[in-house]
Amino acid sequence: PLGADLNPDNRTTLYTFGVAPVWKVNLQLKIG
């Protein structure tokens, strides 16, 4: 078994796309 999924799909490839804007408030603090 694959954890709680006793009959998982045959899926072995994972695609991830991400974007992150980050604001540099000052020399110490960043918020994103």
All heavy atoms as atom14 arrays in JSON, in Angstrom:
{
  "sequence": "PLGADLNPDNRTTLYTFGVAPVWKVNLQLKIG",
  "atom14_mask": [
    [1, 1, 1, 1, 1, 1, 1, 0, 0, 0, 0, 0, 0, 0],
    [1, 1, 1, 1, 1, 1, 1, 1, 0, 0, 0, 0, 0, 0],
    [1, 1, 1, 1, 0, 0, 0, 0, 0, 0, 0, 0, 0, 0],
    [1, 1, 1, 1, 1, 0, 0, 0, 0, 0, 0, 0, 0, 0],
    [1, 1, 1, 1, 1, 1, 1, 1, 0, 0, 0, 0, 0, 0],
    [1, 1, 1, 1, 1, 1, 1, 1, 0, 0, 0, 0, 0, 0],
    [1, 1, 1, 1, 1, 1, 1, 1, 0, 0, 0, 0, 0, 0],
    [1, 1, 1, 1, 1, 1, 1, 0, 0, 0, 0, 0, 0, 0],
    [1, 1, 1, 1, 1, 1, 1, 1, 0, 0, 0, 0, 0, 0],
    [1, 1, 1, 1, 1, 1, 1, 1, 0, 0, 0, 0, 0, 0],
    [1, 1, 1, 1, 1, 1, 1, 1, 1, 1, 1, 0, 0, 0],
    [1, 1, 1, 1, 1, 1, 1, 0, 0, 0, 0, 0, 0, 0],
    [1, 1, 1, 1, 1, 1, 1, 0, 0, 0, 0, 0, 0, 0],
    [1, 1, 1, 1, 1, 1, 1, 1, 0, 0, 0, 0, 0, 0],
    [1, 1, 1, 1, 1, 1, 1, 1, 1, 1, 1, 1, 0, 0],
    [1, 1, 1, 1, 1, 1, 1, 0, 0, 0, 0, 0, 0, 0],
    [1, 1, 1, 1, 1, 1, 1, 1, 1, 1, 1, 0, 0, 0],
    [1, 1, 1, 1, 0, 0, 0, 0, 0, 0, 0, 0, 0, 0],
    [1, 1, 1, 1, 1, 1, 1, 0, 0, 0, 0, 0, 0, 0],
    [1, 1, 1, 1, 1, 0, 0, 0, 0, 0, 0, 0, 0, 0],
    [1, 1, 1, 1, 1, 1, 1, 0, 0, 0, 0, 0, 0, 0],
    [1, 1, 1, 1, 1, 1, 1, 0, 0, 0, 0, 0, 0, 0],
    [1, 1, 1, 1, 1, 1, 1, 1, 1, 1, 1, 1, 1, 1],
    [1, 1, 1, 1, 1, 1, 1, 1, 1, 0, 0, 0, 0, 0],
    [1, 1, 1, 1, 1, 1, 1, 0, 0, 0, 0, 0, 0, 0],
    [1, 1, 1, 1, 1, 1, 1, 1, 0, 0, 0, 0, 0, 0],
    [1, 1, 1, 1, 1, 1, 1, 1, 0, 0, 0, 0, 0, 0],
    [1, 1, 1, 1, 1, 1, 1, 1, 1, 0, 0, 0, 0, 0],
    [1, 1, 1, 1, 1, 1, 1, 1, 0, 0, 0, 0, 0, 0],
    [1, 1, 1, 1, 1, 1, 1, 1, 1, 0, 0, 0, 0, 0],
    [1, 1, 1, 1, 1, 1, 1, 1, 0, 0, 0, 0, 0, 0],
    [1, 1, 1, 1, 0, 0, 0, 0, 0, 0, 0, 0, 0, 0]
  ],
  "atom14_positions": [
    [[0.82, -1.22, 0.0], [0.0, 0.0, 0.0], [0.85, 1.26, 0.0], [1.97, 1.29, 0.51], [-0.81, -0.12, 1.3], [-0.79, -1.57, 1.64], [0.54, -2.08, 1.16], [0.0, 0.0, 0.0], [0.0, 0.0, 0.0], [0.0, 0.0, 0.0], [0.0, 0.0, 0.0], [0.0, 0.0, 0.0], [0.0, 0.0, 0.0], [0.0, 0.0, 0.0]],
    [[0.28, 2.32, -0.56], [0.9, 3.64, -0.54], [0.14, 4.47, 0.48], [-0.77, 5.22, 0.16], [0.84, 4.27, -1.93], [1.51, 5.64, -2.1], [2.99, 5.54, -1.79], [1.32, 6.14, -3.53], [0.0, 0.0, 0.0], [0.0, 0.0, 0.0], [0.0, 0.0, 0.0], [0.0, 0.0, 0.0], [0.0, 0.0, 0.0], [0.0, 0.0, 0.0]],
    [[0.47, 4.29, 1.74], [-0.25, 4.96, 2.81], [-1.7, 4.52, 2.84], [-2.02, 3.34, 2.74], [0.0, 0.0, 0.0], [0.0, 0.0, 0.0], [0.0, 0.0, 0.0], [0.0, 0.0, 0.0], [0.0, 0.0, 0.0], [0.0, 0.0, 0.0], [0.0, 0.0, 0.0], [0.0, 0.0, 0.0], [0.0, 0.0, 0.0], [0.0, 0.0, 0.0]],
    [[-2.62, 5.51, 2.95], [-4.04, 5.23, 3.06], [-4.65, 4.8, 1.74], [-5.74, 4.23, 1.71], [-4.8, 6.45, 3.58], [0.0, 0.0, 0.0], [0.0, 0.0, 0.0], [0.0, 0.0, 0.0], [0.0, 0.0, 0.0], [0.0, 0.0, 0.0], [0.0, 0.0, 0.0], [0.0, 0.0, 0.0], [0.0, 0.0, 0.0], [0.0, 0.0, 0.0]],
    [[-3.96, 5.07, 0.61], [-4.5, 4.72, -0.69], [-4.08, 3.31, -1.03], [-2.94, 3.05, -1.41], [-4.0, 5.71, -1.75], [-4.81, 5.62, -3.04], [-5.64, 4.71, -3.13], [-4.58, 6.45, -3.93], [0.0, 0.0, 0.0], [0.0, 0.0, 0.0], [0.0, 0.0, 0.0], [0.0, 0.0, 0.0], [0.0, 0.0, 0.0], [0.0, 0.0, 0.0]],
    [[-4.99, 2.34, -0.9], [-4.67, 0.93, -1.1], [-4.57, 0.56, -2.58], [-4.06, -0.49, -2.91], [-5.72, 0.06, -0.42], [-5.88, 0.3, 1.09], [-6.95, -0.62, 1.65], [-4.56, 0.07, 1.81], [0.0, 0.0, 0.0], [0.0, 0.0, 0.0], [0.0, 0.0, 0.0], [0.0, 0.0, 0.0], [0.0, 0.0, 0.0], [0.0, 0.0, 0.0]],
    [[-5.05, 1.42, -3.47], [-5.01, 1.13, -4.89], [-4.63, 2.41, -5.66], [-5.43, 2.97, -6.4], [-6.37, 0.61, -5.37], [-6.32, 0.16, -6.82], [-5.27, -0.25, -7.31], [-7.45, 0.25, -7.5], [0.0, 0.0, 0.0], [0.0, 0.0, 0.0], [0.0, 0.0, 0.0], [0.0, 0.0, 0.0], [0.0, 0.0, 0.0], [0.0, 0.0, 0.0]],
    [[-3.4, 2.89, -5.48], [-3.02, 4.16, -6.09], [-2.89, 4.05, -7.6], [-2.62, 2.98, -8.14], [-1.66, 4.46, -5.44], [-1.11, 3.11, -5.11], [-2.3, 2.27, -4.72], [0.0, 0.0, 0.0], [0.0, 0.0, 0.0], [0.0, 0.0, 0.0], [0.0, 0.0, 0.0], [0.0, 0.0, 0.0], [0.0, 0.0, 0.0], [0.0, 0.0, 0.0]],
    [[-3.07, 5.17, -8.29], [-2.83, 5.21, -9.72], [-1.33, 5.05, -9.99], [-0.5, 5.4, -9.17], [-3.3, 6.55, -10.3], [-4.81, 6.65, -10.33], [-5.4, 6.08, -11.25], [-5.37, 7.3, -9.43], [0.0, 0.0, 0.0], [0.0, 0.0, 0.0], [0.0, 0.0, 0.0], [0.0, 0.0, 0.0], [0.0, 0.0, 0.0], [0.0, 0.0, 0.0]],
    [[-1.04, 4.53, -11.17], [0.35, 4.35, -11.55], [0.91, 5.68, -12.03], [1.08, 5.94, -13.21], [0.46, 3.29, -12.66], [1.89, 3.01, -13.05], [2.82, 3.37, -12.33], [2.09, 2.38, -14.19], [0.0, 0.0, 0.0], [0.0, 0.0, 0.0], [0.0, 0.0, 0.0], [0.0, 0.0, 0.0], [0.0, 0.0, 0.0], [0.0, 0.0, 0.0]],
    [[1.18, 6.57, -11.09], [1.68, 7.89, -11.41], [3.01, 8.1, -10.7], [3.09, 8.07, -9.49], [0.7, 8.98, -10.97], [1.11, 10.36, -11.45], [0.32, 11.4, -10.7], [0.69, 11.39, -9.3], [1.05, 12.47, -8.62], [1.09, 13.63, -9.21], [1.36, 12.39, -7.34], [0.0, 0.0, 0.0], [0.0, 0.0, 0.0], [0.0, 0.0, 0.0]],
    [[4.06, 8.25, -11.48], [5.39, 8.35, -10.89], [6.1, 9.65, -11.25], [7.27, 9.8, -10.91], [6.26, 7.17, -11.33], [6.34, 7.16, -12.77], [5.67, 5.85, -10.85], [0.0, 0.0, 0.0], [0.0, 0.0, 0.0], [0.0, 0.0, 0.0], [0.0, 0.0, 0.0], [0.0, 0.0, 0.0], [0.0, 0.0, 0.0], [0.0, 0.0, 0.0]],
    [[5.42, 10.57, -11.91], [6.05, 11.83, -12.3], [5.24, 12.99, -11.74], [4.02, 13.04, -11.9], [6.14, 11.95, -13.83], [6.87, 10.84, -14.34], [6.88, 13.23, -14.21], [0.0, 0.0, 0.0], [0.0, 0.0, 0.0], [0.0, 0.0, 0.0], [0.0, 0.0, 0.0], [0.0, 0.0, 0.0], [0.0, 0.0, 0.0], [0.0, 0.0, 0.0]],
    [[5.92, 13.92, -11.11], [5.28, 15.08, -10.48], [5.86, 16.35, -11.09], [7.08, 16.52, -11.15], [5.55, 15.06, -8.98], [4.8, 16.08, -8.12], [3.35, 15.67, -7.98], [5.44, 16.19, -6.74], [0.0, 0.0, 0.0], [0.0, 0.0, 0.0], [0.0, 0.0, 0.0], [0.0, 0.0, 0.0], [0.0, 0.0, 0.0], [0.0, 0.0, 0.0]],
    [[4.98, 17.24, -11.57], [5.4, 18.51, -12.13], [5.01, 19.64, -11.16], [3.89, 19.66, -10.65], [4.73, 18.77, -13.48], [4.96, 17.69, -14.51], [4.06, 16.64, -14.65], [6.09, 17.72, -15.32], [4.26, 15.65, -15.59], [6.3, 16.73, -16.27], [5.39, 15.69, -16.4], [5.6, 14.71, -17.32], [0.0, 0.0, 0.0], [0.0, 0.0, 0.0]],
    [[5.92, 20.57, -10.94], [5.65, 21.69, -10.06], [6.11, 22.99, -10.72], [7.24, 23.06, -11.25], [6.39, 21.53, -8.72], [6.07, 20.27, -8.14], [5.99, 22.64, -7.75], [0.0, 0.0, 0.0], [0.0, 0.0, 0.0], [0.0, 0.0, 0.0], [0.0, 0.0, 0.0], [0.0, 0.0, 0.0], [0.0, 0.0, 0.0], [0.0, 0.0, 0.0]],
    [[5.25, 24.01, -10.7], [5.59, 25.33, -11.23], [5.3, 26.35, -10.13], [4.2, 26.37, -9.58], [4.77, 25.65, -12.48], [4.89, 24.59, -13.55], [3.93, 23.58, -13.65], [5.95, 24.61, -14.45], [4.04, 22.6, -14.61], [6.06, 23.62, -15.42], [5.11, 22.62, -15.51], [0.0, 0.0, 0.0], [0.0, 0.0, 0.0], [0.0, 0.0, 0.0]],
    [[6.27, 27.2, -9.83], [6.1, 28.14, -8.73], [6.61, 29.52, -9.05], [7.54, 29.69, -9.84], [0.0, 0.0, 0.0], [0.0, 0.0, 0.0], [0.0, 0.0, 0.0], [0.0, 0.0, 0.0], [0.0, 0.0, 0.0], [0.0, 0.0, 0.0], [0.0, 0.0, 0.0], [0.0, 0.0, 0.0], [0.0, 0.0, 0.0], [0.0, 0.0, 0.0]],
    [[6.0, 30.54, -8.42], [6.47, 31.91, -8.52], [6.31, 32.56, -7.15], [5.3, 32.35, -6.46], [5.71, 32.71, -9.6], [4.21, 32.7, -9.34], [6.22, 34.14, -9.68], [0.0, 0.0, 0.0], [0.0, 0.0, 0.0], [0.0, 0.0, 0.0], [0.0, 0.0, 0.0], [0.0, 0.0, 0.0], [0.0, 0.0, 0.0], [0.0, 0.0, 0.0]],
    [[7.32, 33.33, -6.73], [7.3, 33.95, -5.41], [7.87, 35.37, -5.47], [9.08, 35.54, -5.61], [8.11, 33.12, -4.42], [0.0, 0.0, 0.0], [0.0, 0.0, 0.0], [0.0, 0.0, 0.0], [0.0, 0.0, 0.0], [0.0, 0.0, 0.0], [0.0, 0.0, 0.0], [0.0, 0.0, 0.0], [0.0, 0.0, 0.0], [0.0, 0.0, 0.0]],
    [[7.02, 36.4, -5.4], [7.51, 37.77, -5.23], [7.81, 38.04, -3.75], [7.02, 37.68, -2.87], [6.35, 38.62, -5.73], [5.13, 37.77, -5.54], [5.57, 36.34, -5.63], [0.0, 0.0, 0.0], [0.0, 0.0, 0.0], [0.0, 0.0, 0.0], [0.0, 0.0, 0.0], [0.0, 0.0, 0.0], [0.0, 0.0, 0.0], [0.0, 0.0, 0.0]],
    [[8.94, 38.66, -3.48], [9.39, 38.91, -2.11], [9.71, 40.4, -1.94], [10.48, 40.97, -2.73], [10.62, 38.06, -1.76], [11.11, 38.37, -0.35], [10.31, 36.58, -1.9], [0.0, 0.0, 0.0], [0.0, 0.0, 0.0], [0.0, 0.0, 0.0], [0.0, 0.0, 0.0], [0.0, 0.0, 0.0], [0.0, 0.0, 0.0], [0.0, 0.0, 0.0]],
    [[9.13, 41.01, -0.93], [9.35, 42.43, -0.64], [10.41, 42.55, 0.44], [10.27, 42.01, 1.55], [8.04, 43.06, -0.17], [8.15, 44.5, 0.25], [9.0, 45.45, -0.26], [7.41, 45.16, 1.27], [8.83, 46.66, 0.36], [7.85, 46.51, 1.32], [6.39, 44.75, 2.13], [7.32, 47.44, 2.21], [5.86, 45.67, 3.03], [6.32, 47.0, 3.06]],
    [[11.48, 43.26, 0.14], [12.55, 43.51, 1.1], [12.22, 44.79, 1.87], [12.53, 45.9, 1.45], [13.89, 43.61, 0.37], [14.3, 42.3, -0.29], [15.66, 42.37, -0.95], [15.59, 43.0, -2.32], [16.84, 42.79, -3.1], [0.0, 0.0, 0.0], [0.0, 0.0, 0.0], [0.0, 0.0, 0.0], [0.0, 0.0, 0.0], [0.0, 0.0, 0.0]],
    [[11.56, 44.61, 3.0], [11.08, 45.75, 3.8], [12.25, 46.59, 4.28], [12.23, 47.83, 4.21], [10.24, 45.26, 4.99], [9.73, 46.44, 5.81], [9.08, 44.4, 4.5], [0.0, 0.0, 0.0], [0.0, 0.0, 0.0], [0.0, 0.0, 0.0], [0.0, 0.0, 0.0], [0.0, 0.0, 0.0], [0.0, 0.0, 0.0], [0.0, 0.0, 0.0]],
    [[13.27, 45.91, 4.8], [14.5, 46.58, 5.21], [15.61, 45.54, 5.17], [15.43, 44.44, 4.64], [14.36, 47.23, 6.61], [13.84, 46.26, 7.64], [14.3, 45.12, 7.73], [12.88, 46.7, 8.45], [0.0, 0.0, 0.0], [0.0, 0.0, 0.0], [0.0, 0.0, 0.0], [0.0, 0.0, 0.0], [0.0, 0.0, 0.0], [0.0, 0.0, 0.0]],
    [[16.77, 45.86, 5.75], [17.9, 44.94, 5.69], [17.66, 43.66, 6.47], [18.32, 42.64, 6.23], [19.17, 45.63, 6.2], [19.7, 46.79, 5.35], [20.91, 47.43, 6.03], [20.05, 46.32, 3.95], [0.0, 0.0, 0.0], [0.0, 0.0, 0.0], [0.0, 0.0, 0.0], [0.0, 0.0, 0.0], [0.0, 0.0, 0.0], [0.0, 0.0, 0.0]],
    [[16.71, 43.68, 7.4], [16.47, 42.52, 8.24], [15.21, 41.74, 7.89], [15.16, 40.53, 8.07], [16.38, 42.95, 9.72], [17.67, 43.47, 10.3], [17.5, 43.91, 11.73], [16.79, 44.88, 12.01], [18.13, 43.21, 12.64], [0.0, 0.0, 0.0], [0.0, 0.0, 0.0], [0.0, 0.0, 0.0], [0.0, 0.0, 0.0], [0.0, 0.0, 0.0]],
    [[14.18, 42.41, 7.37], [12.88, 41.79, 7.19], [12.51, 41.64, 5.72], [12.62, 42.59, 4.95], [11.81, 42.62, 7.9], [10.36, 42.14, 7.79], [10.2, 40.76, 8.43], [9.41, 43.15, 8.42], [0.0, 0.0, 0.0], [0.0, 0.0, 0.0], [0.0, 0.0, 0.0], [0.0, 0.0, 0.0], [0.0, 0.0, 0.0], [0.0, 0.0, 0.0]],
    [[12.05, 40.43, 5.36], [11.52, 40.15, 4.04], [10.14, 39.49, 4.19], [9.96, 38.63, 5.05], [12.43, 39.22, 3.25], [13.8, 39.8, 2.96], [14.67, 38.84, 2.17], [16.04, 39.42, 1.89], [16.9, 38.49, 1.13], [0.0, 0.0, 0.0], [0.0, 0.0, 0.0], [0.0, 0.0, 0.0], [0.0, 0.0, 0.0], [0.0, 0.0, 0.0]],
    [[9.18, 39.93, 3.37], [7.83, 39.38, 3.38], [7.49, 38.93, 1.97], [7.77, 39.65, 1.0], [6.8, 40.43, 3.87], [7.12, 40.87, 5.29], [5.39, 39.87, 3.79], [6.24, 41.99, 5.79], [0.0, 0.0, 0.0], [0.0, 0.0, 0.0], [0.0, 0.0, 0.0], [0.0, 0.0, 0.0], [0.0, 0.0, 0.0], [0.0, 0.0, 0.0]],
    [[6.9, 37.75, 1.84], [6.64, 37.24, 0.5], [5.35, 36.48, 0.36], [4.72, 36.08, 1.35], [0.0, 0.0, 0.0], [0.0, 0.0, 0.0], [0.0, 0.0, 0.0], [0.0, 0.0, 0.0], [0.0, 0.0, 0.0], [0.0, 0.0, 0.0], [0.0, 0.0, 0.0], [0.0, 0.0, 0.0], [0.0, 0.0, 0.0], [0.0, 0.0, 0.0]]
  ]
}
